Amino acid sequence: MYREKRSSATQNKAFEKALAVYNKETRDRWSNVAKAVGGKTAEEVKRHYEILLEDVFYIESGRVPFPKYKNTGGSHSTSD
């Protein structure tokens, strides 16, 4: 059974940056992303990307409810 190793915050940031550098048109994209992240295989980073795409799809299609935050009593204004 395949189990993805958890990524550290540093690896997640490296993953984000690598995706910006190595786009869909980049040859050997997932190998390059894996090298930039470190400690992950090309297959692992590709699967991580696919999971993120699924998450975005579910969020944008309204299948993931917005979290309900408790009001902490502070005043936050969005107007200037």
PDB file of N, CA and C in Angstrom:
ATOM      1  N   MET A   1       0.840  -1.183   0.000  1.00  0.00           N
ATOM      2  CA  MET A   1       0.000   0.000   0.000  1.00  0.00           C
ATOM      3  C   MET A   1       0.883   1.243   0.000  1.00  0.00           C
ATOM      4  N   TYR A   2       0.524   2.201  -0.834  1.00  0.00           N
ATOM      5  CA  TYR A   2       1.290   3.432  -0.955  1.00  0.00           C
ATOM      6  C   TYR A   2       0.912   4.389   0.159  1.00  0.00           C
ATOM      7  N   ARG A   3       1.896   4.892   0.836  1.00  0.00           N
ATOM      8  CA  ARG A   3       1.662   5.918   1.859  1.00  0.00           C
ATOM      9  C   ARG A   3       2.607   7.066   1.590  1.00  0.00           C
ATOM     10  N   GLU A   4       2.061   8.225   1.403  1.00  0.00           N
ATOM     11  CA  GLU A   4       2.874   9.403   1.148  1.00  0.00           C
ATOM     12  C   GLU A   4       3.509   9.883   2.446  1.00  0.00           C
ATOM     13  N   LYS A   5       4.808  10.163   2.381  1.00  0.00           N
ATOM     14  CA  LYS A   5       5.490  10.734   3.539  1.00  0.00           C
ATOM     15  C   LYS A   5       5.052  12.187   3.683  1.00  0.00           C
ATOM     16  N   ARG A   6       4.873  12.623   4.898  1.00  0.00           N
ATOM     17  CA  ARG A   6       4.475  14.009   5.139  1.00  0.00           C
ATOM     18  C   ARG A   6       5.609  14.952   4.773  1.00  0.00           C
ATOM     19  N   SER A   7       5.234  16.102   4.264  1.00  0.00           N
ATOM     20  CA  SER A   7       6.209  17.110   3.877  1.00  0.00           C
ATOM     21  C   SER A   7       6.388  18.117   5.004  1.00  0.00           C
ATOM     22  N   SER A   8       7.602  18.616   5.129  1.00  0.00           N
ATOM     23  CA  SER A   8       7.868  19.667   6.104  1.00  0.00           C
ATOM     24  C   SER A   8       7.435  21.006   5.503  1.00  0.00           C
ATOM     25  N   ALA A   9       7.366  22.021   6.336  1.00  0.00           N
ATOM     26  CA  ALA A   9       7.022  23.360   5.856  1.00  0.00           C
ATOM     27  C   ALA A   9       8.044  23.832   4.828  1.00  0.00           C
ATOM     28  N   THR A  10       9.310  23.513   5.056  1.00  0.00           N
ATOM     29  CA  THR A  10      10.371  23.892   4.122  1.00  0.00           C
ATOM     30  C   THR A  10      10.174  23.195   2.779  1.00  0.00           C
ATOM     31  N   GLN A  11       9.823  21.910   2.822  1.00  0.00           N
ATOM     32  CA  GLN A  11       9.578  21.176   1.580  1.00  0.00           C
ATOM     33  C   GLN A  11       8.351  21.723   0.850  1.00  0.00           C
ATOM     34  N   ASN A  12       7.313  22.078   1.592  1.00  0.00           N
ATOM     35  CA  ASN A  12       6.121  22.644   0.958  1.00  0.00           C
ATOM     36  C   ASN A  12       6.435  23.954   0.253  1.00  0.00           C
ATOM     37  N   LYS A  13       7.241  24.789   0.881  1.00  0.00           N
ATOM     38  CA  LYS A  13       7.625  26.062   0.266  1.00  0.00           C
ATOM     39  C   LYS A  13       8.476  25.808  -0.975  1.00  0.00           C
ATOM     40  N   ALA A  14       9.404  24.867  -0.890  1.00  0.00           N
ATOM     41  CA  ALA A  14      10.235  24.516  -2.045  1.00  0.00           C
ATOM     42  C   ALA A  14       9.368  23.962  -3.175  1.00  0.00           C
ATOM     43  N   PHE A  15       8.351  23.183  -2.827  1.00  0.00           N
ATOM     44  CA  PHE A  15       7.414  22.632  -3.806  1.00  0.00           C
ATOM     45  C   PHE A  15       6.694  23.763  -4.540  1.00  0.00           C
ATOM     46  N   GLU A  16       6.181  24.730  -3.803  1.00  0.00           N
ATOM     47  CA  GLU A  16       5.484  25.870  -4.401  1.00  0.00           C
ATOM     48  C   GLU A  16       6.395  26.637  -5.352  1.00  0.00           C
ATOM     49  N   LYS A  17       7.607  26.906  -4.903  1.00  0.00           N
ATOM     50  CA  LYS A  17       8.557  27.641  -5.741  1.00  0.00           C
ATOM     51  C   LYS A  17       8.924  26.846  -6.990  1.00  0.00           C
ATOM     52  N   ALA A  18       9.126  25.546  -6.827  1.00  0.00           N
ATOM     53  CA  ALA A  18       9.493  24.698  -7.964  1.00  0.00           C
ATOM     54  C   ALA A  18       8.368  24.649  -8.994  1.00  0.00           C
ATOM     55  N   LEU A  19       7.119  24.632  -8.541  1.00  0.00           N
ATOM     56  CA  LEU A  19       6.000  24.640  -9.483  1.00  0.00           C
ATOM     57  C   LEU A  19       5.973  25.924 -10.304  1.00  0.00           C
ATOM     58  N   ALA A  20       6.390  27.026  -9.694  1.00  0.00           N
ATOM     59  CA  ALA A  20       6.442  28.293 -10.419  1.00  0.00           C
ATOM     60  C   ALA A  20       7.560  28.287 -11.465  1.00  0.00           C
ATOM     61  N   VAL A  21       8.639  27.595 -11.174  1.00  0.00           N
ATOM     62  CA  VAL A  21       9.781  27.535 -12.091  1.00  0.00           C
ATOM     63  C   VAL A  21       9.564  26.494 -13.182  1.00  0.00           C
ATOM     64  N   TYR A  22       9.102  25.317 -12.792  1.00  0.00           N
ATOM     65  CA  TYR A  22       8.936  24.197 -13.723  1.00  0.00           C
ATOM     66  C   TYR A  22       7.459  24.031 -14.058  1.00  0.00           C
ATOM     67  N   ASN A  23       7.028  24.669 -15.151  1.00  0.00           N
ATOM     68  CA  ASN A  23       5.616  24.611 -15.528  1.00  0.00           C
ATOM     69  C   ASN A  23       5.303  23.368 -16.349  1.00  0.00           C
ATOM     70  N   LYS A  24       4.073  23.290 -16.853  1.00  0.00           N
ATOM     71  CA  LYS A  24       3.614  22.114 -17.605  1.00  0.00           C
ATOM     72  C   LYS A  24       4.477  21.807 -18.819  1.00  0.00           C
ATOM     73  N   GLU A  25       5.090  22.822 -19.385  1.00  0.00           N
ATOM     74  CA  GLU A  25       5.877  22.652 -20.606  1.00  0.00           C
ATOM     75  C   GLU A  25       7.306  22.177 -20.332  1.00  0.00           C
ATOM     76  N   THR A  26       7.712  22.165 -19.079  1.00  0.00           N
ATOM     77  CA  THR A  26       9.078  21.793 -18.719  1.00  0.00           C
ATOM     78  C   THR A  26       9.299  20.295 -18.888  1.00  0.00           C
ATOM     79  N   ARG A  27      10.342  19.966 -19.603  1.00  0.00           N
ATOM     80  CA  ARG A  27      10.719  18.564 -19.766  1.00  0.00           C
ATOM     81  C   ARG A  27      11.180  18.025 -18.410  1.00  0.00           C
ATOM     82  N   ASP A  28      10.795  16.815 -18.079  1.00  0.00           N
ATOM     83  CA  ASP A  28      11.149  16.187 -16.797  1.00  0.00           C
ATOM     84  C   ASP A  28      10.715  17.039 -15.602  1.00  0.00           C
ATOM     85  N   ARG A  29       9.537  17.623 -15.733  1.00  0.00           N
ATOM     86  CA  ARG A  29       9.018  18.519 -14.694  1.00  0.00           C
ATOM     87  C   ARG A  29       9.076  17.907 -13.305  1.00  0.00           C
ATOM     88  N   TRP A  30       8.551  16.705 -13.142  1.00  0.00           N
ATOM     89  CA  TRP A  30       8.425  16.134 -11.801  1.00  0.00           C
ATOM     90  C   TRP A  30       9.772  15.735 -11.219  1.00  0.00           C
ATOM     91  N   SER A  31      10.701  15.342 -12.049  1.00  0.00           N
ATOM     92  CA  SER A  31      12.064  15.065 -11.564  1.00  0.00           C
ATOM     93  C   SER A  31      12.713  16.342 -11.063  1.00  0.00           C
ATOM     94  N   ASN A  32      12.521  17.429 -11.805  1.00  0.00           N
ATOM     95  CA  ASN A  32      13.080  18.718 -11.393  1.00  0.00           C
ATOM     96  C   ASN A  32      12.440  19.220 -10.104  1.00  0.00           C
ATOM     97  N   VAL A  33      11.125  19.068 -10.000  1.00  0.00           N
ATOM     98  CA  VAL A  33      10.437  19.493  -8.775  1.00  0.00           C
ATOM     99  C   VAL A  33      10.925  18.662  -7.591  1.00  0.00           C
ATOM    100  N   ALA A  34      11.051  17.354  -7.785  1.00  0.00           N
ATOM    101  CA  ALA A  34      11.526  16.478  -6.706  1.00  0.00           C
ATOM    102  C   ALA A  34      12.928  16.869  -6.252  1.00  0.00           C
ATOM    103  N   LYS A  35      13.802  17.190  -7.188  1.00  0.00           N
ATOM    104  CA  LYS A  35      15.162  17.620  -6.824  1.00  0.00           C
ATOM    105  C   LYS A  35      15.126  18.914  -6.023  1.00  0.00           C
ATOM    106  N   ALA A  36      14.254  19.837  -6.430  1.00  0.00           N
ATOM    107  CA  ALA A  36      14.152  21.120  -5.731  1.00  0.00           C
ATOM    108  C   ALA A  36      13.599  20.946  -4.317  1.00  0.00           C
ATOM    109  N   VAL A  37      12.675  20.015  -4.155  1.00  0.00           N
ATOM    110  CA  VAL A  37      12.057  19.775  -2.846  1.00  0.00           C
ATOM    111  C   VAL A  37      13.012  19.018  -1.930  1.00  0.00           C
ATOM    112  N   GLY A  38      13.634  17.985  -2.459  1.00  0.00           N
ATOM    113  CA  GLY A  38      14.539  17.162  -1.660  1.00  0.00           C
ATOM    114  C   GLY A  38      13.784  16.137  -0.833  1.00  0.00           C
ATOM    115  N   GLY A  39      14.278  14.912  -0.828  1.00  0.00           N
ATOM    116  CA  GLY A  39      13.679  13.864  -0.012  1.00  0.00           C
ATOM    117  C   GLY A  39      12.395  13.273  -0.559  1.00  0.00           C
ATOM    118  N   LYS A  40      12.032  13.621  -1.775  1.00  0.00           N
ATOM    119  CA  LYS A  40      10.815  13.111  -2.414  1.00  0.00           C
ATOM    120  C   LYS A  40      11.162  12.587  -3.801  1.00  0.00           C
ATOM    121  N   THR A  41      10.376  11.620  -4.256  1.00  0.00           N
ATOM    122  CA  THR A  41      10.550  11.108  -5.614  1.00  0.00           C
ATOM    123  C   THR A  41       9.679  11.920  -6.570  1.00  0.00           C
ATOM    124  N   ALA A  42       9.954  11.760  -7.858  1.00  0.00           N
ATOM    125  CA  ALA A  42       9.136  12.425  -8.871  1.00  0.00           C
ATOM    126  C   ALA A  42       7.679  11.983  -8.747  1.00  0.00           C
ATOM    127  N   GLU A  43       7.470  10.711  -8.468  1.00  0.00           N
ATOM    128  CA  GLU A  43       6.112  10.193  -8.322  1.00  0.00           C
ATOM    129  C   GLU A  43       5.405  10.815  -7.118  1.00  0.00           C
ATOM    130  N   GLU A  44       6.133  11.008  -6.030  1.00  0.00           N
ATOM    131  CA  GLU A  44       5.535  11.597  -4.823  1.00  0.00           C
ATOM    132  C   GLU A  44       5.122  13.048  -5.050  1.00  0.00           C
ATOM    133  N   VAL A  45       5.974  13.840  -5.697  1.00  0.00           N
ATOM    134  CA  VAL A  45       5.610  15.246  -5.908  1.00  0.00           C
ATOM    135  C   VAL A  45       4.489  15.376  -6.937  1.00  0.00           C
ATOM    136  N   LYS A  46       4.479  14.493  -7.929  1.00  0.00           N
ATOM    137  CA  LYS A  46       3.390  14.518  -8.908  1.00  0.00           C
ATOM    138  C   LYS A  46       2.064  14.175  -8.226  1.00  0.00           C
ATOM    139  N   ARG A  47       2.065  13.182  -7.366  1.00  0.00           N
ATOM    140  CA  ARG A  47       0.845  12.803  -6.646  1.00  0.00           C
ATOM    141  C   ARG A  47       0.394  13.923  -5.713  1.00  0.00           C
ATOM    142  N   HIS A  48       1.337  14.582  -5.069  1.00  0.00           N
ATOM    143  CA  HIS A  48       1.011  15.717  -4.203  1.00  0.00           C
ATOM    144  C   HIS A  48       0.307  16.804  -5.020  1.00  0.00           C
ATOM    145  N   TYR A  49       0.808  17.071  -6.211  1.00  0.00           N
ATOM    146  CA  TYR A  49       0.204  18.058  -7.104  1.00  0.00           C
ATOM    147  C   TYR A  49      -1.210  17.634  -7.505  1.00  0.00           C
ATOM    148  N   GLU A  50      -1.386  16.376  -7.841  1.00  0.00           N
ATOM    149  CA  GLU A  50      -2.708  15.866  -8.221  1.00  0.00           C
ATOM    150  C   GLU A  50      -3.708  15.998  -7.073  1.00  0.00           C
ATOM    151  N   ILE A  51      -3.258  15.749  -5.860  1.00  0.00           N
ATOM    152  CA  ILE A  51      -4.121  15.900  -4.684  1.00  0.00           C
ATOM    153  C   ILE A  51      -4.522  17.364  -4.506  1.00  0.00           C
ATOM    154  N   LEU A  52      -3.583  18.273  -4.720  1.00  0.00           N
ATOM    155  CA  LEU A  52      -3.901  19.700  -4.619  1.00  0.00           C
ATOM    156  C   LEU A  52      -4.935  20.102  -5.666  1.00  0.00           C
ATOM    157  N   LEU A  53      -4.795  19.587  -6.890  1.00  0.00           N
ATOM    158  CA  LEU A  53      -5.774  19.884  -7.938  1.00  0.00           C
ATOM    159  C   LEU A  53      -7.163  19.379  -7.555  1.00  0.00           C
ATOM    160  N   GLU A  54      -7.221  18.187  -6.969  1.00  0.00           N
ATOM    161  CA  GLU A  54      -8.501  17.643  -6.504  1.00  0.00           C
ATOM    162  C   GLU A  54      -9.102  18.542  -5.422  1.00  0.00           C
ATOM    163  N   ASP A  55      -8.273  18.991  -4.490  1.00  0.00           N
ATOM    164  CA  ASP A  55      -8.746  19.879  -3.422  1.00  0.00           C
ATOM    165  C   ASP A  55      -9.334  21.160  -4.001  1.00  0.00           C
ATOM    166  N   VAL A  56      -8.634  21.765  -4.954  1.00  0.00           N
ATOM    167  CA  VAL A  56      -9.113  22.998  -5.584  1.00  0.00           C
ATOM    168  C   VAL A  56     -10.447  22.750  -6.280  1.00  0.00           C
ATOM    169  N   PHE A  57     -10.552  21.633  -6.993  1.00  0.00           N
ATOM    170  CA  PHE A  57     -11.803  21.292  -7.669  1.00  0.00           C
ATOM    171  C   PHE A  57     -12.955  21.222  -6.672  1.00  0.00           C
ATOM    172  N   TYR A  58     -12.759  20.513  -5.574  1.00  0.00           N
ATOM    173  CA  TYR A  58     -13.824  20.365  -4.578  1.00  0.00           C
ATOM    174  C   TYR A  58     -14.182  21.695  -3.921  1.00  0.00           C
ATOM    175  N   ILE A  59     -13.203  22.523  -3.666  1.00  0.00           N
ATOM    176  CA  ILE A  59     -13.459  23.834  -3.068  1.00  0.00           C
ATOM    177  C   ILE A  59     -14.240  24.706  -4.042  1.00  0.00           C
ATOM    178  N   GLU A  60     -13.769  24.784  -5.299  1.00  0.00           N
ATOM    179  CA  GLU A  60     -14.419  25.638  -6.286  1.00  0.00           C
ATOM    180  C   GLU A  60     -15.816  25.154  -6.663  1.00  0.00           C
ATOM    181  N   SER A  61     -16.073  23.868  -6.553  1.00  0.00           N
ATOM    182  CA  SER A  61     -17.393  23.334  -6.894  1.00  0.00           C
ATOM    183  C   SER A  61     -18.359  23.389  -5.709  1.00  0.00           C
ATOM    184  N   GLY A  62     -17.901  23.934  -4.583  1.00  0.00           N
ATOM    185  CA  GLY A  62     -18.762  24.097  -3.419  1.00  0.00           C
ATOM    186  C   GLY A  62     -18.958  22.838  -2.600  1.00  0.00           C
ATOM    187  N   ARG A  63     -18.132  21.842  -2.811  1.00  0.00           N
ATOM    188  CA  ARG A  63     -18.275  20.582  -2.078  1.00  0.00           C
ATOM    189  C   ARG A  63     -17.570  20.600  -0.727  1.00  0.00           C
ATOM    190  N   VAL A  64     -16.817  21.644  -0.477  1.00  0.00           N
ATOM    191  CA  VAL A  64     -16.133  21.782   0.808  1.00  0.00           C
ATOM    192  C   VAL A  64     -16.740  23.000   1.498  1.00  0.00           C
ATOM    193  N   PRO A  65     -17.387  22.808   2.634  1.00  0.00           N
ATOM    194  CA  PRO A  65     -18.019  23.944   3.310  1.00  0.00           C
ATOM    195  C   PRO A  65     -16.973  24.898   3.889  1.00  0.00           C
ATOM    196  N   PHE A  66     -17.340  26.166   3.928  1.00  0.00           N
ATOM    197  CA  PHE A  66     -16.461  27.143   4.551  1.00  0.00           C
ATOM    198  C   PHE A  66     -16.423  26.883   6.049  1.00  0.00           C
ATOM    199  N   PRO A  67     -15.276  27.043   6.670  1.00  0.00           N
ATOM    200  CA  PRO A  67     -15.206  26.843   8.121  1.00  0.00           C
ATOM    201  C   PRO A  67     -15.979  27.948   8.839  1.00  0.00           C
ATOM    202  N   LYS A  68     -16.530  27.611   9.985  1.00  0.00           N
ATOM    203  CA  LYS A  68     -17.254  28.590  10.792  1.00  0.00           C
ATOM    204  C   LYS A  68     -16.344  29.006  11.936  1.00  0.00           C
ATOM    205  N   TYR A  69     -15.896  30.246  11.875  1.00  0.00           N
ATOM    206  CA  TYR A  69     -14.997  30.759  12.894  1.00  0.00           C
ATOM    207  C   TYR A  69     -15.797  31.455  13.981  1.00  0.00           C
ATOM    208  N   LYS A  70     -15.359  31.289  15.207  1.00  0.00           N
ATOM    209  CA  LYS A  70     -16.004  31.973  16.321  1.00  0.00           C
ATOM    210  C   LYS A  70     -15.506  33.405  16.363  1.00  0.00           C
ATOM    211  N   ASN A  71     -16.392  34.307  16.664  1.00  0.00           N
ATOM    212  CA  ASN A  71     -16.026  35.700  16.836  1.00  0.00           C
ATOM    213  C   ASN A  71     -15.291  35.825  18.165  1.00  0.00           C
ATOM    214  N   THR A  72     -14.083  36.352  18.128  1.00  0.00           N
ATOM    215  CA  THR A  72     -13.278  36.467  19.347  1.00  0.00           C
ATOM    216  C   THR A  72     -13.476  37.803  20.042  1.00  0.00           C
ATOM    217  N   GLY A  73     -14.419  38.605  19.524  1.00  0.00           N
ATOM    218  CA  GLY A  73     -14.690  39.876  20.165  1.00  0.00           C
ATOM    219  C   GLY A  73     -13.876  41.022  19.605  1.00  0.00           C
ATOM    220  N   GLY A  74     -12.872  40.714  18.818  1.00  0.00           N
ATOM    221  CA  GLY A  74     -12.070  41.757  18.199  1.00  0.00           C
ATOM    222  C   GLY A  74     -12.809  42.386  17.042  1.00  0.00           C
ATOM    223  N   SER A  75     -12.458  43.600  16.719  1.00  0.00           N
ATOM    224  CA  SER A  75     -13.105  44.300  15.616  1.00  0.00           C
ATOM    225  C   SER A  75     -12.165  44.311  14.430  1.00  0.00           C
ATOM    226  N   HIS A  76     -12.613  43.722  13.336  1.00  0.00           N
ATOM    227  CA  HIS A  76     -11.819  43.701  12.113  1.00  0.00           C
ATOM    228  C   HIS A  76     -12.615  44.384  11.022  1.00  0.00           C
ATOM    229  N   SER A  77     -12.095  45.466  10.517  1.00  0.00           N
ATOM    230  CA  SER A  77     -12.779  46.213   9.479  1.00  0.00           C
ATOM    231  C   SER A  77     -12.114  45.947   8.148  1.00  0.00           C
ATOM    232  N   THR A  78     -12.934  45.729   7.109  1.00  0.00           N
ATOM    233  CA  THR A  78     -12.378  45.512   5.778  1.00  0.00           C
ATOM    234  C   THR A  78     -12.461  46.760   4.930  1.00  0.00           C
ATOM    235  N   SER A  79     -13.075  47.823   5.441  1.00  0.00           N
ATOM    236  CA  SER A  79     -13.164  49.058   4.668  1.00  0.00           C
ATOM    237  C   SER A  79     -12.008  49.974   5.026  1.00  0.00           C
ATOM    238  N   ASP A  80     -11.668  50.822   4.071  1.00  0.00           N
ATOM    239  CA  ASP A  80     -10.565  51.772   4.292  1.00  0.00           C
ATOM    240  C   ASP A  80     -11.063  53.079   4.827  1.00  0.00           C
TER     241      ASP A  80
END
